N, C-alpha and C. Protein backbone atom coordinates (compact mmCIF):
# COMPACT_ATOMS: atom_id res chain seq x y z
N MET A 1 5.06 4.80 -22.02
CA MET A 1 5.32 4.98 -20.66
C MET A 1 5.77 3.63 -19.83
N THR A 2 4.91 2.62 -20.35
CA THR A 2 5.15 1.44 -19.49
C THR A 2 6.53 0.79 -19.81
N HIS A 3 6.98 0.79 -20.96
CA HIS A 3 8.11 0.21 -21.38
C HIS A 3 9.42 1.11 -21.22
N VAL A 4 9.22 2.21 -21.07
CA VAL A 4 10.46 3.19 -20.69
C VAL A 4 10.47 3.54 -19.26
N LEU A 5 9.50 3.86 -18.56
CA LEU A 5 9.76 4.39 -17.28
C LEU A 5 9.58 3.35 -16.02
N ALA A 6 8.72 2.31 -16.48
CA ALA A 6 8.51 1.33 -15.32
C ALA A 6 9.65 0.20 -15.25
N HIS A 7 9.82 0.04 -13.82
CA HIS A 7 10.85 -1.04 -13.52
C HIS A 7 10.08 -2.40 -13.71
N PRO A 8 11.04 -3.50 -13.77
CA PRO A 8 10.47 -4.73 -13.82
C PRO A 8 9.47 -5.35 -12.73
N GLU A 9 9.74 -4.79 -11.53
CA GLU A 9 9.08 -5.10 -10.29
C GLU A 9 7.90 -4.27 -9.93
N ASP A 10 7.86 -3.24 -10.70
CA ASP A 10 6.51 -2.17 -10.53
C ASP A 10 5.05 -3.12 -11.13
N LEU A 11 4.04 -2.77 -10.50
CA LEU A 11 2.83 -3.29 -10.85
C LEU A 11 2.08 -2.45 -11.99
N TRP A 12 1.55 -3.20 -12.94
CA TRP A 12 1.12 -2.55 -14.11
C TRP A 12 -0.50 -3.10 -14.17
N PHE A 13 -1.34 -2.01 -14.44
CA PHE A 13 -2.88 -2.28 -14.31
C PHE A 13 -3.56 -1.77 -15.68
N HIS A 14 -4.36 -2.61 -16.09
CA HIS A 14 -5.26 -2.02 -17.32
C HIS A 14 -6.62 -2.75 -17.34
N ALA A 15 -7.62 -1.69 -17.70
CA ALA A 15 -9.03 -2.17 -17.63
C ALA A 15 -9.17 -3.39 -18.62
N HIS A 16 -9.73 -4.47 -18.32
CA HIS A 16 -9.58 -5.67 -19.14
C HIS A 16 -10.72 -5.49 -20.45
N GLY A 17 -10.35 -5.92 -21.65
CA GLY A 17 -11.09 -5.82 -22.68
C GLY A 17 -11.67 -4.47 -23.21
N VAL A 18 -11.26 -3.29 -22.89
CA VAL A 18 -11.62 -2.16 -23.33
C VAL A 18 -10.38 -1.20 -23.71
N PRO A 19 -10.50 -0.31 -24.51
CA PRO A 19 -9.06 0.70 -24.55
C PRO A 19 -9.16 1.40 -23.41
N GLY A 20 -7.83 1.67 -22.96
CA GLY A 20 -7.65 2.63 -21.82
C GLY A 20 -6.20 2.78 -21.47
N SER A 21 -6.04 3.60 -20.53
CA SER A 21 -4.57 3.91 -20.18
C SER A 21 -3.94 2.75 -19.26
N HIS A 22 -2.70 2.67 -19.21
CA HIS A 22 -2.03 1.89 -18.30
C HIS A 22 -1.60 2.57 -17.21
N VAL A 23 -1.68 1.80 -16.06
CA VAL A 23 -1.46 2.45 -14.97
C VAL A 23 -0.22 1.72 -14.18
N VAL A 24 0.80 2.47 -13.70
CA VAL A 24 2.07 1.66 -13.04
C VAL A 24 2.08 2.26 -11.66
N LEU A 25 2.18 1.16 -10.87
CA LEU A 25 2.27 1.45 -9.47
C LEU A 25 3.74 1.06 -9.02
N ARG A 26 4.44 2.05 -8.83
CA ARG A 26 5.91 1.84 -8.51
C ARG A 26 6.02 1.48 -7.26
N ARG A 27 6.99 0.40 -7.17
CA ARG A 27 7.22 -0.37 -5.92
C ARG A 27 8.71 0.04 -5.44
N GLU A 28 9.41 0.77 -6.14
CA GLU A 28 10.93 1.25 -5.70
C GLU A 28 11.76 0.38 -4.91
N GLY A 29 11.84 -0.95 -5.35
CA GLY A 29 12.54 -1.94 -4.67
C GLY A 29 11.99 -2.56 -3.38
N ARG A 30 10.83 -2.23 -3.08
CA ARG A 30 10.21 -2.75 -1.86
C ARG A 30 9.91 -4.30 -2.18
N LYS A 31 10.15 -5.11 -1.21
CA LYS A 31 10.00 -6.68 -1.30
C LYS A 31 8.49 -7.03 -1.01
N ASP A 32 7.88 -6.12 0.00
CA ASP A 32 6.50 -6.42 0.39
C ASP A 32 5.59 -6.19 -0.76
N ASN A 33 4.39 -6.63 -0.68
CA ASN A 33 3.33 -6.19 -1.69
C ASN A 33 2.50 -5.07 -1.20
N PRO A 34 1.89 -4.30 -2.20
CA PRO A 34 1.12 -3.11 -1.69
C PRO A 34 -0.16 -3.58 -0.89
N SER A 35 -0.74 -2.79 -0.10
CA SER A 35 -1.93 -3.11 0.52
C SER A 35 -3.11 -3.34 -0.47
N ALA A 36 -4.00 -4.12 -0.04
CA ALA A 36 -5.24 -4.24 -0.81
C ALA A 36 -5.94 -2.97 -1.04
N LYS A 37 -5.81 -2.11 -0.31
CA LYS A 37 -6.48 -0.79 -0.67
C LYS A 37 -5.76 -0.03 -1.71
N THR A 38 -4.38 -0.07 -1.67
CA THR A 38 -3.65 0.64 -2.74
C THR A 38 -3.83 -0.11 -4.02
N MET A 39 -3.85 -1.42 -4.04
CA MET A 39 -4.14 -2.09 -5.26
C MET A 39 -5.45 -1.85 -5.84
N GLU A 40 -6.38 -1.72 -4.97
CA GLU A 40 -8.03 -1.33 -5.44
C GLU A 40 -7.80 0.21 -6.06
N GLU A 41 -7.14 0.94 -5.41
CA GLU A 41 -7.17 2.40 -5.91
C GLU A 41 -6.55 2.40 -7.15
N ALA A 42 -5.43 1.75 -7.37
CA ALA A 42 -4.73 1.66 -8.73
C ALA A 42 -5.59 1.22 -9.75
N ALA A 43 -6.21 0.08 -9.49
CA ALA A 43 -7.14 -0.49 -10.39
C ALA A 43 -8.15 0.34 -10.72
N ALA A 44 -8.82 1.07 -9.79
CA ALA A 44 -9.97 2.07 -10.00
C ALA A 44 -9.61 3.20 -10.86
N ILE A 45 -8.39 3.65 -10.82
CA ILE A 45 -7.78 4.61 -11.61
C ILE A 45 -7.72 4.17 -13.13
N ALA A 46 -7.21 2.92 -13.19
CA ALA A 46 -7.13 2.34 -14.57
C ALA A 46 -8.40 2.32 -15.27
N ALA A 47 -9.40 1.80 -14.56
CA ALA A 47 -10.76 1.75 -14.91
C ALA A 47 -11.34 3.06 -15.34
N PHE A 48 -11.14 4.13 -14.50
CA PHE A 48 -11.76 5.32 -14.67
C PHE A 48 -10.96 5.96 -16.12
N PHE A 49 -9.76 5.74 -16.42
CA PHE A 49 -9.26 6.25 -17.59
C PHE A 49 -9.29 5.13 -18.80
N SER A 50 -10.44 4.61 -18.78
CA SER A 50 -10.69 3.67 -19.81
C SER A 50 -12.15 3.72 -20.40
N LYS A 51 -12.42 3.00 -21.42
CA LYS A 51 -13.96 3.13 -21.86
C LYS A 51 -14.75 2.52 -20.90
N ALA A 52 -14.39 1.83 -19.80
CA ALA A 52 -15.26 1.28 -18.82
C ALA A 52 -15.61 2.48 -17.71
N ARG A 53 -15.19 3.60 -17.89
CA ARG A 53 -15.45 4.82 -17.00
C ARG A 53 -16.77 4.74 -16.33
N HIS A 54 -17.76 4.48 -16.98
CA HIS A 54 -19.13 4.62 -16.64
C HIS A 54 -19.76 3.38 -16.06
N ALA A 55 -18.91 2.25 -16.06
CA ALA A 55 -19.49 1.12 -15.67
C ALA A 55 -19.61 1.07 -14.04
N GLY A 56 -20.61 0.21 -13.62
CA GLY A 56 -20.80 0.25 -12.17
C GLY A 56 -19.56 -0.40 -11.56
N LYS A 57 -19.18 -1.57 -12.08
CA LYS A 57 -17.84 -2.34 -11.73
C LYS A 57 -17.14 -2.69 -13.01
N ALA A 58 -15.86 -2.51 -13.17
CA ALA A 58 -15.12 -2.91 -14.12
C ALA A 58 -13.99 -3.99 -13.92
N PRO A 59 -13.67 -5.01 -14.75
CA PRO A 59 -12.71 -5.74 -14.50
C PRO A 59 -11.25 -5.13 -14.83
N VAL A 60 -10.36 -5.38 -13.97
CA VAL A 60 -8.94 -4.61 -14.40
C VAL A 60 -8.02 -5.75 -14.10
N ILE A 61 -7.06 -6.04 -15.18
CA ILE A 61 -6.04 -6.93 -14.88
C ILE A 61 -4.82 -6.27 -14.45
N TYR A 62 -4.12 -7.14 -13.67
CA TYR A 62 -2.68 -6.49 -13.21
C TYR A 62 -1.67 -7.54 -13.20
N THR A 63 -0.44 -7.01 -13.25
CA THR A 63 0.70 -8.01 -13.22
C THR A 63 1.94 -7.22 -12.94
N LEU A 64 3.06 -7.95 -12.61
CA LEU A 64 4.37 -7.23 -12.73
C LEU A 64 4.71 -6.71 -14.09
N LYS A 65 5.33 -5.52 -14.23
CA LYS A 65 5.73 -5.01 -15.44
C LYS A 65 6.65 -5.93 -16.34
N LYS A 66 7.47 -6.56 -15.61
CA LYS A 66 8.35 -7.76 -16.35
C LYS A 66 7.45 -8.75 -17.14
N TYR A 67 6.24 -8.78 -16.97
CA TYR A 67 5.31 -9.82 -17.54
C TYR A 67 4.59 -9.02 -18.93
N VAL A 68 4.87 -7.84 -19.10
CA VAL A 68 4.17 -6.99 -20.05
C VAL A 68 5.13 -6.75 -21.23
N ARG A 69 4.67 -7.19 -22.42
CA ARG A 69 5.62 -6.91 -23.45
C ARG A 69 4.73 -6.22 -24.82
N LYS A 70 5.70 -5.54 -25.38
CA LYS A 70 5.08 -4.88 -26.71
C LYS A 70 5.34 -5.81 -27.83
N PRO A 71 4.16 -6.26 -28.57
CA PRO A 71 4.57 -7.13 -29.71
C PRO A 71 5.31 -6.29 -30.84
N ARG A 72 6.08 -7.12 -31.59
CA ARG A 72 6.75 -6.43 -32.61
C ARG A 72 5.85 -5.77 -33.62
N LYS A 73 6.18 -4.55 -34.00
CA LYS A 73 5.50 -3.79 -35.08
C LYS A 73 3.91 -3.44 -34.57
N ALA A 74 3.65 -3.47 -33.28
CA ALA A 74 2.44 -3.42 -32.84
C ALA A 74 2.31 -1.94 -32.69
N PRO A 75 0.98 -1.25 -32.82
CA PRO A 75 0.83 0.07 -32.44
C PRO A 75 1.10 0.44 -31.12
N ALA A 76 1.48 1.76 -31.00
CA ALA A 76 1.61 2.23 -29.40
C ALA A 76 0.41 1.96 -28.66
N GLY A 77 0.66 1.60 -27.48
CA GLY A 77 -0.46 1.05 -26.47
C GLY A 77 -0.76 -0.22 -26.38
N LEU A 78 -0.51 -1.09 -27.39
CA LEU A 78 -0.72 -2.40 -27.48
C LEU A 78 0.19 -3.21 -26.57
N ALA A 79 -0.36 -4.16 -25.77
CA ALA A 79 0.55 -4.97 -24.87
C ALA A 79 0.02 -6.22 -24.64
N MET A 80 1.01 -7.11 -24.69
CA MET A 80 0.87 -8.75 -24.45
C MET A 80 1.13 -8.98 -22.93
N VAL A 81 0.31 -9.61 -22.22
CA VAL A 81 0.50 -9.80 -20.92
C VAL A 81 0.54 -11.14 -20.48
N GLU A 82 1.30 -11.57 -19.44
CA GLU A 82 1.42 -12.94 -19.00
C GLU A 82 1.27 -12.74 -17.52
N ARG A 83 0.67 -13.81 -16.84
CA ARG A 83 0.58 -14.18 -15.41
C ARG A 83 -0.14 -13.07 -14.69
N GLU A 84 -1.24 -12.61 -15.48
CA GLU A 84 -2.19 -11.35 -15.10
C GLU A 84 -3.16 -11.98 -14.01
N LYS A 85 -3.48 -11.05 -13.08
CA LYS A 85 -4.60 -11.49 -12.22
C LYS A 85 -5.74 -10.43 -12.37
N MET A 86 -6.85 -10.56 -11.97
CA MET A 86 -8.11 -9.82 -12.15
C MET A 86 -8.74 -9.17 -10.83
N ILE A 87 -9.00 -8.04 -10.87
CA ILE A 87 -9.71 -7.43 -9.70
C ILE A 87 -10.78 -6.67 -10.26
N MET A 88 -12.08 -6.71 -9.76
CA MET A 88 -13.31 -5.92 -10.05
C MET A 88 -13.24 -4.70 -9.22
N VAL A 89 -13.48 -3.59 -9.88
CA VAL A 89 -13.45 -2.21 -9.01
C VAL A 89 -14.55 -1.31 -9.69
N GLN A 90 -14.75 -0.44 -8.89
CA GLN A 90 -15.68 0.62 -9.45
C GLN A 90 -14.65 1.79 -9.84
N PRO A 91 -14.84 2.30 -11.10
CA PRO A 91 -13.94 3.25 -11.62
C PRO A 91 -14.01 4.65 -10.65
N ARG A 92 -12.88 5.16 -10.41
CA ARG A 92 -12.82 6.38 -9.54
C ARG A 92 -11.84 7.39 -10.17
N ASP A 93 -12.37 8.69 -10.15
CA ASP A 93 -11.38 9.67 -10.42
C ASP A 93 -10.59 9.84 -9.54
N PRO A 94 -9.30 9.97 -9.75
CA PRO A 94 -8.29 10.17 -8.72
C PRO A 94 -8.22 11.68 -8.17
N ASP A 95 -8.81 12.47 -8.77
CA ASP A 95 -9.00 13.87 -8.23
C ASP A 95 -10.10 14.23 -7.52
N GLU A 96 -11.13 13.16 -7.52
CA GLU A 96 -12.33 13.49 -6.83
C GLU A 96 -12.16 13.53 -5.26
N GLY A 97 -12.58 14.62 -4.79
CA GLY A 97 -12.48 14.80 -3.27
C GLY A 97 -11.08 15.56 -2.81
N ARG A 98 -10.45 15.68 -3.87
CA ARG A 98 -8.99 16.45 -3.62
C ARG A 98 -9.17 17.93 -3.77
N THR A 99 -8.53 18.69 -2.92
CA THR A 99 -8.46 20.15 -3.02
C THR A 99 -7.40 20.59 -4.01
N PRO A 100 -7.75 21.38 -5.03
CA PRO A 100 -6.71 21.77 -5.87
C PRO A 100 -5.52 22.38 -5.17
N GLU A 101 -4.43 22.27 -5.65
CA GLU A 101 -3.07 22.83 -5.07
C GLU A 101 -3.40 24.35 -4.81
N TRP A 102 -3.88 25.19 -5.72
CA TRP A 102 -3.98 26.48 -5.72
C TRP A 102 -5.15 27.00 -4.47
N GLU A 103 -5.80 26.04 -4.02
CA GLU A 103 -6.77 26.33 -2.96
C GLU A 103 -6.27 25.85 -1.69
N GLU A 104 -5.28 25.18 -1.44
CA GLU A 104 -4.92 24.67 -0.32
C GLU A 104 -4.36 25.62 0.65
N ASP A 105 -3.96 26.76 0.43
CA ASP A 105 -3.47 27.70 1.44
C ASP A 105 -4.48 28.34 2.36
């Protein structure tokens, strides 16, 4: 998904040091940076969908997608990252507190 759907200026998140999903925060051509709250939410989702799910706090790295590369002949999901920054977050289920669509009426 990262290398096919994400644009170079989108933000990419991954829980540091553990297997887990990549999270892409679409910027859709925006020049301004997302709010700190939005960044924290994206990082918390990346932590939740990783082996750090049950940690009190988890380190999550993030960078622009243009700094994420797949090494040649590497298995799917492996990424080399440059210019990353780190944020500490509490893993959070993105569906927690949401009403399912079928119950919204």
